[in-house]
């Protein structure tokens, strides 16, 4: 009898006191999503923060595309070629940091 009461008490605690789990997903790249799941402390990303990240990533990708195009034009200048490659690498790292913080 006491065991049944104990199980009922645990079930009531689970039903009433444990917060629901929140989950969200948002598109980073075509076909790739970032999933965020949290329990008591929800790790929600606000719409404003999502928009800021998306804009930053889009800007970085446009900049990388521009640098790749300019890289093709300066293939005969090794020092400029190396400088552009370093810029591309740095921008791609920034993009990864923005997409997956922490």
PDB file of N, CA and C in Angstrom:
ATOM      1  N   UNK A   1       0.827  -1.193   0.000  1.00  0.00           N
ATOM      2  CA  UNK A   1       0.000   0.000   0.000  1.00  0.00           C
ATOM      3  C   UNK A   1       0.873   1.258   0.000  1.00  0.00           C
ATOM      4  N   UNK A   2       1.895   1.246   0.840  1.00  0.00           N
ATOM      5  CA  UNK A   2       2.787   2.401   0.907  1.00  0.00           C
ATOM      6  C   UNK A   2       3.560   2.562  -0.410  1.00  0.00           C
ATOM      7  N   UNK A   3       3.876   1.434  -1.028  1.00  0.00           N
ATOM      8  CA  UNK A   3       4.592   1.482  -2.302  1.00  0.00           C
ATOM      9  C   UNK A   3       3.726   2.108  -3.393  1.00  0.00           C
ATOM     10  N   UNK A   4       2.456   1.766  -3.419  1.00  0.00           N
ATOM     11  CA  UNK A   4       1.522   2.338  -4.386  1.00  0.00           C
ATOM     12  C   UNK A   4       1.370   3.842  -4.166  1.00  0.00           C
ATOM     13  N   UNK A   5       1.271   4.242  -2.925  1.00  0.00           N
ATOM     14  CA  UNK A   5       1.169   5.662  -2.591  1.00  0.00           C
ATOM     15  C   UNK A   5       2.437   6.404  -3.028  1.00  0.00           C
ATOM     16  N   UNK A   6       3.585   5.775  -2.843  1.00  0.00           N
ATOM     17  CA  UNK A   6       4.854   6.361  -3.256  1.00  0.00           C
ATOM     18  C   UNK A   6       4.889   6.560  -4.769  1.00  0.00           C
ATOM     19  N   UNK A   7       4.472   5.553  -5.544  1.00  0.00           N
ATOM     20  CA  UNK A   7       4.431   5.665  -7.004  1.00  0.00           C
ATOM     21  C   UNK A   7       3.462   6.743  -7.455  1.00  0.00           C
ATOM     22  N   UNK A   8       2.308   6.825  -6.822  1.00  0.00           N
ATOM     23  CA  UNK A   8       1.332   7.865  -7.166  1.00  0.00           C
ATOM     24  C   UNK A   8       1.899   9.253  -6.885  1.00  0.00           C
ATOM     25  N   UNK A   9       2.587   9.377  -5.768  1.00  0.00           N
ATOM     26  CA  UNK A   9       3.197  10.654  -5.419  1.00  0.00           C
ATOM     27  C   UNK A   9       4.257  11.058  -6.448  1.00  0.00           C
ATOM     28  N   UNK A  10       5.074  10.122  -6.868  1.00  0.00           N
ATOM     29  CA  UNK A  10       6.087  10.399  -7.894  1.00  0.00           C
ATOM     30  C   UNK A  10       5.424  10.796  -9.209  1.00  0.00           C
ATOM     31  N   UNK A  11       4.382  10.091  -9.588  1.00  0.00           N
ATOM     32  CA  UNK A  11       3.670  10.419 -10.833  1.00  0.00           C
ATOM     33  C   UNK A  11       3.073  11.819 -10.772  1.00  0.00           C
ATOM     34  N   UNK A  12       2.489  12.184  -9.642  1.00  0.00           N
ATOM     35  CA  UNK A  12       1.919  13.526  -9.509  1.00  0.00           C
ATOM     36  C   UNK A  12       3.001  14.602  -9.586  1.00  0.00           C
ATOM     37  N   UNK A  13       4.129  14.338  -8.970  1.00  0.00           N
ATOM     38  CA  UNK A  13       5.236  15.299  -9.044  1.00  0.00           C
ATOM     39  C   UNK A  13       5.699  15.460 -10.486  1.00  0.00           C
ATOM     40  N   UNK A  14       5.839  14.353 -11.176  1.00  0.00           N
ATOM     41  CA  UNK A  14       6.263  14.419 -12.577  1.00  0.00           C
ATOM     42  C   UNK A  14       5.257  15.190 -13.415  1.00  0.00           C
ATOM     43  N   UNK A  15       3.992  14.923 -13.224  1.00  0.00           N
ATOM     44  CA  UNK A  15       2.951  15.568 -14.033  1.00  0.00           C
ATOM     45  C   UNK A  15       2.865  17.060 -13.759  1.00  0.00           C
ATOM     46  N   UNK A  16       2.910  17.473 -12.503  1.00  0.00           N
ATOM     47  CA  UNK A  16       2.627  18.867 -12.167  1.00  0.00           C
ATOM     48  C   UNK A  16       3.854  19.764 -12.000  1.00  0.00           C
ATOM     49  N   UNK A  17       4.991  19.225 -11.625  1.00  0.00           N
ATOM     50  CA  UNK A  17       6.113  20.082 -11.274  1.00  0.00           C
ATOM     51  C   UNK A  17       7.252  20.114 -12.286  1.00  0.00           C
ATOM     52  N   UNK A  18       7.297  19.196 -13.180  1.00  0.00           N
ATOM     53  CA  UNK A  18       8.372  19.198 -14.167  1.00  0.00           C
ATOM     54  C   UNK A  18       7.902  19.963 -15.395  1.00  0.00           C
ATOM     55  N   UNK A  19       8.699  20.942 -15.792  1.00  0.00           N
ATOM     56  CA  UNK A  19       8.351  21.740 -16.964  1.00  0.00           C
ATOM     57  C   UNK A  19       8.421  20.899 -18.231  1.00  0.00           C
ATOM     58  N   UNK A  20       7.664  21.326 -19.186  1.00  0.00           N
ATOM     59  CA  UNK A  20       7.696  20.637 -20.468  1.00  0.00           C
ATOM     60  C   UNK A  20       9.001  20.972 -21.185  1.00  0.00           C
ATOM     61  N   UNK A  21       9.374  20.101 -22.068  1.00  0.00           N
ATOM     62  CA  UNK A  21      10.580  20.321 -22.855  1.00  0.00           C
ATOM     63  C   UNK A  21      10.210  21.165 -24.066  1.00  0.00           C
ATOM     64  N   UNK A  22      11.017  22.178 -24.326  1.00  0.00           N
ATOM     65  CA  UNK A  22      10.801  23.042 -25.478  1.00  0.00           C
ATOM     66  C   UNK A  22      11.851  22.708 -26.530  1.00  0.00           C
ATOM     67  N   UNK A  23      11.441  22.694 -27.775  1.00  0.00           N
ATOM     68  CA  UNK A  23      12.381  22.417 -28.854  1.00  0.00           C
ATOM     69  C   UNK A  23      12.119  23.367 -30.008  1.00  0.00           C
ATOM     70  N   UNK A  24      13.161  23.674 -30.729  1.00  0.00           N
ATOM     71  CA  UNK A  24      13.010  24.504 -31.917  1.00  0.00           C
ATOM     72  C   UNK A  24      14.079  24.122 -32.924  1.00  0.00           C
ATOM     73  N   UNK A  25      13.822  24.460 -34.162  1.00  0.00           N
ATOM     74  CA  UNK A  25      14.788  24.213 -35.229  1.00  0.00           C
ATOM     75  C   UNK A  25      14.723  25.381 -36.193  1.00  0.00           C
ATOM     76  N   UNK A  26      15.869  25.760 -36.729  1.00  0.00           N
ATOM     77  CA  UNK A  26      15.866  26.823 -37.721  1.00  0.00           C
ATOM     78  C   UNK A  26      16.894  26.530 -38.790  1.00  0.00           C
ATOM     79  N   UNK A  27      16.588  26.979 -39.977  1.00  0.00           N
ATOM     80  CA  UNK A  27      17.382  26.656 -41.154  1.00  0.00           C
ATOM     81  C   UNK A  27      18.658  27.479 -41.189  1.00  0.00           C
ATOM     82  N   UNK A  28      19.792  26.804 -41.259  1.00  0.00           N
ATOM     83  CA  UNK A  28      21.076  27.488 -41.381  1.00  0.00           C
ATOM     84  C   UNK A  28      21.502  27.541 -42.841  1.00  0.00           C
ATOM     85  N   UNK A  29      21.568  26.402 -43.415  1.00  0.00           N
ATOM     86  CA  UNK A  29      21.961  26.254 -44.805  1.00  0.00           C
ATOM     87  C   UNK A  29      20.883  25.389 -45.442  1.00  0.00           C
ATOM     88  N   UNK A  30      20.730  25.496 -46.736  1.00  0.00           N
ATOM     89  CA  UNK A  30      19.721  24.689 -47.411  1.00  0.00           C
ATOM     90  C   UNK A  30      19.909  23.216 -47.049  1.00  0.00           C
ATOM     91  N   UNK A  31      18.918  22.640 -46.413  1.00  0.00           N
ATOM     92  CA  UNK A  31      18.974  21.234 -46.048  1.00  0.00           C
ATOM     93  C   UNK A  31      19.592  20.935 -44.695  1.00  0.00           C
ATOM     94  N   UNK A  32      20.072  21.947 -43.961  1.00  0.00           N
ATOM     95  CA  UNK A  32      20.675  21.720 -42.644  1.00  0.00           C
ATOM     96  C   UNK A  32      19.966  22.583 -41.609  1.00  0.00           C
ATOM     97  N   UNK A  33      19.566  21.971 -40.512  1.00  0.00           N
ATOM     98  CA  UNK A  33      18.874  22.680 -39.447  1.00  0.00           C
ATOM     99  C   UNK A  33      19.696  22.645 -38.176  1.00  0.00           C
ATOM    100  N   UNK A  34      19.476  23.626 -37.322  1.00  0.00           N
ATOM    101  CA  UNK A  34      20.072  23.617 -35.985  1.00  0.00           C
ATOM    102  C   UNK A  34      18.942  23.346 -35.009  1.00  0.00           C
ATOM    103  N   UNK A  35      19.120  22.343 -34.182  1.00  0.00           N
ATOM    104  CA  UNK A  35      18.096  21.971 -33.223  1.00  0.00           C
ATOM    105  C   UNK A  35      18.503  22.431 -31.833  1.00  0.00           C
ATOM    106  N   UNK A  36      17.546  22.990 -31.127  1.00  0.00           N
ATOM    107  CA  UNK A  36      17.788  23.448 -29.768  1.00  0.00           C
ATOM    108  C   UNK A  36      16.717  22.819 -28.880  1.00  0.00           C
ATOM    109  N   UNK A  37      17.138  22.103 -27.859  1.00  0.00           N
ATOM    110  CA  UNK A  37      16.204  21.461 -26.943  1.00  0.00           C
ATOM    111  C   UNK A  37      16.604  21.836 -25.529  1.00  0.00           C
ATOM    112  N   UNK A  38      15.624  22.158 -24.727  1.00  0.00           N
ATOM    113  CA  UNK A  38      15.916  22.511 -23.348  1.00  0.00           C
ATOM    114  C   UNK A  38      14.814  22.042 -22.429  1.00  0.00           C
ATOM    115  N   UNK A  39      15.128  21.904 -21.177  1.00  0.00           N
ATOM    116  CA  UNK A  39      14.141  21.489 -20.186  1.00  0.00           C
ATOM    117  C   UNK A  39      13.712  22.666 -19.351  1.00  0.00           C
ATOM    118  N   UNK A  40      14.142  22.699 -18.090  1.00  0.00           N
ATOM    119  CA  UNK A  40      13.753  23.785 -17.197  1.00  0.00           C
ATOM    120  C   UNK A  40      14.279  25.133 -17.672  1.00  0.00           C
ATOM    121  N   UNK A  41      15.514  25.169 -18.079  1.00  0.00           N
ATOM    122  CA  UNK A  41      16.081  26.407 -18.616  1.00  0.00           C
ATOM    123  C   UNK A  41      16.089  26.283 -20.133  1.00  0.00           C
ATOM    124  N   UNK A  42      15.199  26.963 -20.755  1.00  0.00           N
ATOM    125  CA  UNK A  42      15.030  26.838 -22.197  1.00  0.00           C
ATOM    126  C   UNK A  42      16.062  27.704 -22.909  1.00  0.00           C
ATOM    127  N   UNK A  43      16.733  27.117 -23.860  1.00  0.00           N
ATOM    128  CA  UNK A  43      17.730  27.831 -24.652  1.00  0.00           C
ATOM    129  C   UNK A  43      17.061  28.308 -25.936  1.00  0.00           C
ATOM    130  N   UNK A  44      16.175  29.269 -25.789  1.00  0.00           N
ATOM    131  CA  UNK A  44      15.471  29.782 -26.954  1.00  0.00           C
ATOM    132  C   UNK A  44      16.272  30.919 -27.566  1.00  0.00           C
ATOM    133  N   UNK A  45      16.312  30.934 -28.869  1.00  0.00           N
ATOM    134  CA  UNK A  45      16.938  32.041 -29.573  1.00  0.00           C
ATOM    135  C   UNK A  45      15.810  32.922 -30.076  1.00  0.00           C
ATOM    136  N   UNK A  46      15.862  34.178 -29.725  1.00  0.00           N
ATOM    137  CA  UNK A  46      14.796  35.087 -30.114  1.00  0.00           C
ATOM    138  C   UNK A  46      14.798  35.287 -31.625  1.00  0.00           C
ATOM    139  N   UNK A  47      13.647  35.699 -32.144  1.00  0.00           N
ATOM    140  CA  UNK A  47      13.537  35.934 -33.581  1.00  0.00           C
ATOM    141  C   UNK A  47      14.505  37.019 -34.022  1.00  0.00           C
ATOM    142  N   UNK A  48      14.681  38.021 -33.184  1.00  0.00           N
ATOM    143  CA  UNK A  48      15.603  39.106 -33.516  1.00  0.00           C
ATOM    144  C   UNK A  48      17.036  38.588 -33.621  1.00  0.00           C
ATOM    145  N   UNK A  49      17.433  37.746 -32.669  1.00  0.00           N
ATOM    146  CA  UNK A  49      18.788  37.195 -32.699  1.00  0.00           C
ATOM    147  C   UNK A  49      18.980  36.282 -33.907  1.00  0.00           C
ATOM    148  N   UNK A  50      17.940  35.491 -34.236  1.00  0.00           N
ATOM    149  CA  UNK A  50      18.018  34.636 -35.418  1.00  0.00           C
ATOM    150  C   UNK A  50      18.230  35.477 -36.669  1.00  0.00           C
ATOM    151  N   UNK A  51      17.451  36.555 -36.767  1.00  0.00           N
ATOM    152  CA  UNK A  51      17.547  37.413 -37.949  1.00  0.00           C
ATOM    153  C   UNK A  51      18.934  38.041 -38.042  1.00  0.00           C
ATOM    154  N   UNK A  52      19.469  38.503 -36.912  1.00  0.00           N
ATOM    155  CA  UNK A  52      20.806  39.102 -36.910  1.00  0.00           C
ATOM    156  C   UNK A  52      21.866  38.091 -37.341  1.00  0.00           C
ATOM    157  N   UNK A  53      21.757  36.872 -36.837  1.00  0.00           N
ATOM    158  CA  UNK A  53      22.718  35.834 -37.217  1.00  0.00           C
ATOM    159  C   UNK A  53      22.608  35.505 -38.701  1.00  0.00           C
ATOM    160  N   UNK A  54      21.360  35.369 -39.184  1.00  0.00           N
ATOM    161  CA  UNK A  54      21.168  35.049 -40.595  1.00  0.00           C
ATOM    162  C   UNK A  54      21.749  36.140 -41.482  1.00  0.00           C
ATOM    163  N   UNK A  55      21.510  37.406 -41.115  1.00  0.00           N
ATOM    164  CA  UNK A  55      22.047  38.518 -41.900  1.00  0.00           C
ATOM    165  C   UNK A  55      23.576  38.519 -41.877  1.00  0.00           C
ATOM    166  N   UNK A  56      24.148  38.250 -40.718  1.00  0.00           N
ATOM    167  CA  UNK A  56      25.610  38.224 -40.612  1.00  0.00           C
ATOM    168  C   UNK A  56      26.199  37.096 -41.450  1.00  0.00           C
ATOM    169  N   UNK A  57      25.571  35.923 -41.397  1.00  0.00           N
ATOM    170  CA  UNK A  57      26.065  34.786 -42.171  1.00  0.00           C
ATOM    171  C   UNK A  57      25.928  35.063 -43.662  1.00  0.00           C
ATOM    172  N   UNK A  58      24.802  35.644 -44.070  1.00  0.00           N
ATOM    173  CA  UNK A  58      24.623  35.967 -45.487  1.00  0.00           C
ATOM    174  C   UNK A  58      25.665  36.975 -45.956  1.00  0.00           C
ATOM    175  N   UNK A  59      25.936  37.987 -45.139  1.00  0.00           N
ATOM    176  CA  UNK A  59      26.959  38.974 -45.497  1.00  0.00           C
ATOM    177  C   UNK A  59      28.322  38.302 -45.652  1.00  0.00           C
ATOM    178  N   UNK A  60      28.670  37.435 -44.695  1.00  0.00           N
ATOM    179  CA  UNK A  60      29.966  36.761 -44.759  1.00  0.00           C
ATOM    180  C   UNK A  60      30.073  35.875 -45.995  1.00  0.00           C
ATOM    181  N   UNK A  61      28.984  35.194 -46.341  1.00  0.00           N
ATOM    182  CA  UNK A  61      29.011  34.334 -47.531  1.00  0.00           C
ATOM    183  C   UNK A  61      29.142  35.151 -48.811  1.00  0.00           C
ATOM    184  N   UNK A  62      28.451  36.292 -48.864  1.00  0.00           N
ATOM    185  CA  UNK A  62      28.594  37.168 -50.032  1.00  0.00           C
ATOM    186  C   UNK A  62      30.031  37.673 -50.147  1.00  0.00           C
ATOM    187  N   UNK A  63      30.608  38.024 -49.027  1.00  0.00           N
ATOM    188  CA  UNK A  63      31.990  38.520 -49.012  1.00  0.00           C
ATOM    189  C   UNK A  63      32.966  37.428 -49.455  1.00  0.00           C
ATOM    190  N   UNK A  64      32.750  36.195 -48.981  1.00  0.00           N
ATOM    191  CA  UNK A  64      33.613  35.079 -49.378  1.00  0.00           C
ATOM    192  C   UNK A  64      33.477  34.818 -50.876  1.00  0.00           C
ATOM    193  N   UNK A  65      32.252  34.882 -51.387  1.00  0.00           N
ATOM    194  CA  UNK A  65      32.033  34.690 -52.824  1.00  0.00           C
ATOM    195  C   UNK A  65      32.778  35.751 -53.623  1.00  0.00           C
ATOM    196  N   UNK A  66      32.695  36.997 -53.173  1.00  0.00           N
ATOM    197  CA  UNK A  66      33.405  38.087 -53.849  1.00  0.00           C
ATOM    198  C   UNK A  66      34.915  37.852 -53.819  1.00  0.00           C
ATOM    199  N   UNK A  67      35.421  37.401 -52.673  1.00  0.00           N
ATOM    200  CA  UNK A  67      36.863  37.155 -52.562  1.00  0.00           C
ATOM    201  C   UNK A  67      37.313  36.002 -53.462  1.00  0.00           C
ATOM    202  N   UNK A  68      36.479  34.951 -53.587  1.00  0.00           N
ATOM    203  CA  UNK A  68      36.830  33.844 -54.483  1.00  0.00           C
ATOM    204  C   UNK A  68      36.899  34.332 -55.926  1.00  0.00           C
ATOM    205  N   UNK A  69      35.970  35.219 -56.301  1.00  0.00           N
ATOM    206  CA  UNK A  69      35.991  35.762 -57.662  1.00  0.00           C
ATOM    207  C   UNK A  69      37.233  36.625 -57.884  1.00  0.00           C
ATOM    208  N   UNK A  70      37.579  37.445 -56.900  1.00  0.00           N
ATOM    209  CA  UNK A  70      38.772  38.283 -57.049  1.00  0.00           C
ATOM    210  C   UNK A  70      40.047  37.447 -57.006  1.00  0.00           C
ATOM    211  N   UNK A  71      39.988  36.298 -56.339  1.00  0.00           N
ATOM    212  CA  UNK A  71      41.146  35.404 -56.277  1.00  0.00           C
ATOM    213  C   UNK A  71      41.487  34.866 -57.666  1.00  0.00           C
ATOM    214  N   UNK A  72      40.468  34.592 -58.456  1.00  0.00           N
ATOM    215  CA  UNK A  72      40.693  34.095 -59.819  1.00  0.00           C
ATOM    216  C   UNK A  72      41.386  35.149 -60.680  1.00  0.00           C
ATOM    217  N   UNK A  73      41.103  36.412 -60.406  1.00  0.00           N
ATOM    218  CA  UNK A  73      41.670  37.501 -61.214  1.00  0.00           C
ATOM    219  C   UNK A  73      43.137  37.778 -60.884  1.00  0.00           C
ATOM    220  N   UNK A  74      43.559  37.472 -59.663  1.00  0.00           N
ATOM    221  CA  UNK A  74      44.921  37.810 -59.234  1.00  0.00           C
ATOM    222  C   UNK A  74      45.804  36.573 -59.099  1.00  0.00           C
ATOM    223  N   UNK A  75      45.588  35.594 -59.914  1.00  0.00           N
ATOM    224  CA  UNK A  75      46.368  34.360 -59.795  1.00  0.00           C
ATOM    225  C   UNK A  75      47.848  34.565 -60.126  1.00  0.00           C
ATOM    226  N   UNK A  76      48.182  35.661 -60.811  1.00  0.00           N
ATOM    227  CA  UNK A  76      49.579  35.912 -61.163  1.00  0.00           C
ATOM    228  C   UNK A  76      50.336  36.703 -60.090  1.00  0.00           C
ATOM    229  N   UNK A  77      49.672  37.110 -59.008  1.00  0.00           N
ATOM    230  CA  UNK A  77      50.304  37.871 -57.929  1.00  0.00           C
ATOM    231  C   UNK A  77      50.272  37.047 -56.634  1.00  0.00           C
ATOM    232  N   UNK A  78      51.361  36.352 -56.320  1.00  0.00           N
ATOM    233  CA  UNK A  78      51.356  35.427 -55.178  1.00  0.00           C
ATOM    234  C   UNK A  78      51.067  36.075 -53.825  1.00  0.00           C
ATOM    235  N   UNK A  79      51.588  37.262 -53.576  1.00  0.00           N
ATOM    236  CA  UNK A  79      51.372  37.875 -52.257  1.00  0.00           C
ATOM    237  C   UNK A  79      49.905  38.262 -52.070  1.00  0.00           C
ATOM    238  N   UNK A  80      49.304  38.819 -53.097  1.00  0.00           N
ATOM    239  CA  UNK A  80      47.889  39.181 -53.024  1.00  0.00           C
ATOM    240  C   UNK A  80      47.014  37.933 -52.957  1.00  0.00           C
ATOM    241  N   UNK A  81      47.436  36.904 -53.675  1.00  0.00           N
ATOM    242  CA  UNK A  81      46.721  35.622 -53.667  1.00  0.00           C
ATOM    243  C   UNK A  81      46.697  35.048 -52.251  1.00  0.00           C
ATOM    244  N   UNK A  82      47.834  35.061 -51.560  1.00  0.00           N
ATOM    245  CA  UNK A  82      47.922  34.539 -50.189  1.00  0.00           C
ATOM    246  C   UNK A  82      47.097  35.386 -49.226  1.00  0.00           C
ATOM    247  N   UNK A  83      47.114  36.702 -49.417  1.00  0.00           N
ATOM    248  CA  UNK A  83      46.339  37.596 -48.546  1.00  0.00           C
ATOM    249  C   UNK A  83      44.842  37.322 -48.676  1.00  0.00           C
ATOM    250  N   UNK A  84      44.373  37.141 -49.895  1.00  0.00           N
ATOM    251  CA  UNK A  84      42.946  36.864 -50.117  1.00  0.00           C
ATOM    252  C   UNK A  84      42.571  35.512 -49.528  1.00  0.00           C
ATOM    253  N   UNK A  85      43.438  34.519 -49.672  1.00  0.00           N
ATOM    254  CA  UNK A  85      43.154  33.206 -49.076  1.00  0.00           C
ATOM    255  C   UNK A  85      43.043  33.291 -47.558  1.00  0.00           C
ATOM    256  N   UNK A  86      43.906  34.094 -46.921  1.00  0.00           N
ATOM    257  CA  UNK A  86      43.819  34.278 -45.463  1.00  0.00           C
ATOM    258  C   UNK A  86      42.501  34.947 -45.076  1.00  0.00           C
ATOM    259  N   UNK A  87      42.083  35.938 -45.861  1.00  0.00           N
ATOM    260  CA  UNK A  87      40.809  36.609 -45.586  1.00  0.00           C
ATOM    261  C   UNK A  87      39.643  35.639 -45.708  1.00  0.00           C
ATOM    262  N   UNK A  88      39.681  34.804 -46.738  1.00  0.00           N
ATOM    263  CA  UNK A  88      38.610  33.817 -46.932  1.00  0.00           C
ATOM    264  C   UNK A  88      38.559  32.861 -45.746  1.00  0.00           C
ATOM    265  N   UNK A  89      39.715  32.371 -45.317  1.00  0.00           N
ATOM    266  CA  UNK A  89      39.765  31.436 -44.184  1.00  0.00           C
ATOM    267  C   UNK A  89      39.212  32.085 -42.919  1.00  0.00           C
ATOM    268  N   UNK A  90      39.609  33.343 -42.657  1.00  0.00           N
ATOM    269  CA  UNK A  90      39.138  34.054 -41.468  1.00  0.00           C
ATOM    270  C   UNK A  90      37.619  34.265 -41.508  1.00  0.00           C
ATOM    271  N   UNK A  91      37.087  34.636 -42.675  1.00  0.00           N
ATOM    272  CA  UNK A  91      35.644  34.856 -42.793  1.00  0.00           C
ATOM    273  C   UNK A  91      34.858  33.556 -42.626  1.00  0.00           C
ATOM    274  N   UNK A  92      35.385  32.458 -43.154  1.00  0.00           N
ATOM    275  CA  UNK A  92      34.710  31.170 -42.981  1.00  0.00           C
ATOM    276  C   UNK A  92      34.701  30.746 -41.514  1.00  0.00           C
ATOM    277  N   UNK A  93      35.777  31.031 -40.785  1.00  0.00           N
ATOM    278  CA  UNK A  93      35.806  30.726 -39.350  1.00  0.00           C
ATOM    279  C   UNK A  93      34.786  31.571 -38.598  1.00  0.00           C
ATOM    280  N   UNK A  94      34.684  32.854 -38.940  1.00  0.00           N
ATOM    281  CA  UNK A  94      33.688  33.715 -38.302  1.00  0.00           C
ATOM    282  C   UNK A  94      32.281  33.206 -38.568  1.00  0.00           C
ATOM    283  N   UNK A  95      32.058  32.746 -39.793  1.00  0.00           N
ATOM    284  CA  UNK A  95      30.743  32.219 -40.150  1.00  0.00           C
ATOM    285  C   UNK A  95      30.392  31.012 -39.291  1.00  0.00           C
ATOM    286  N   UNK A  96      31.365  30.117 -39.085  1.00  0.00           N
ATOM    287  CA  UNK A  96      31.114  28.939 -38.244  1.00  0.00           C
ATOM    288  C   UNK A  96      30.829  29.331 -36.798  1.00  0.00           C
ATOM    289  N   UNK A  97      31.530  30.341 -36.305  1.00  0.00           N
ATOM    290  CA  UNK A  97      31.318  30.796 -34.925  1.00  0.00           C
ATOM    291  C   UNK A  97      29.926  31.385 -34.762  1.00  0.00           C
ATOM    292  N   UNK A  98      29.473  32.140 -35.751  1.00  0.00           N
ATOM    293  CA  UNK A  98      28.136  32.737 -35.681  1.00  0.00           C
ATOM    294  C   UNK A  98      27.067  31.664 -35.739  1.00  0.00           C
ATOM    295  N   UNK A  99      27.267  30.668 -36.597  1.00  0.00           N
ATOM    296  CA  UNK A  99      26.258  29.617 -36.756  1.00  0.00           C
ATOM    297  C   UNK A  99      26.160  28.764 -35.501  1.00  0.00           C
ATOM    298  N   UNK A 100      27.278  28.364 -34.952  1.00  0.00           N
ATOM    299  CA  UNK A 100      27.278  27.458 -33.799  1.00  0.00           C
ATOM    300  C   UNK A 100      27.990  28.092 -32.610  1.00  0.00           C
ATOM    301  N   UNK A 101      27.349  29.013 -31.922  1.00  0.00           N
ATOM    302  CA  UNK A 101      27.997  29.614 -30.758  1.00  0.00           C
ATOM    303  C   UNK A 101      28.058  28.632 -29.602  1.00  0.00           C
ATOM    304  N   UNK A 102      29.062  28.758 -28.772  1.00  0.00           N
ATOM    305  CA  UNK A 102      29.265  27.942 -27.560  1.00  0.00           C
ATOM    306  C   UNK A 102      29.550  26.523 -27.889  1.00  0.00           C
TER     307      UNK A 102
END
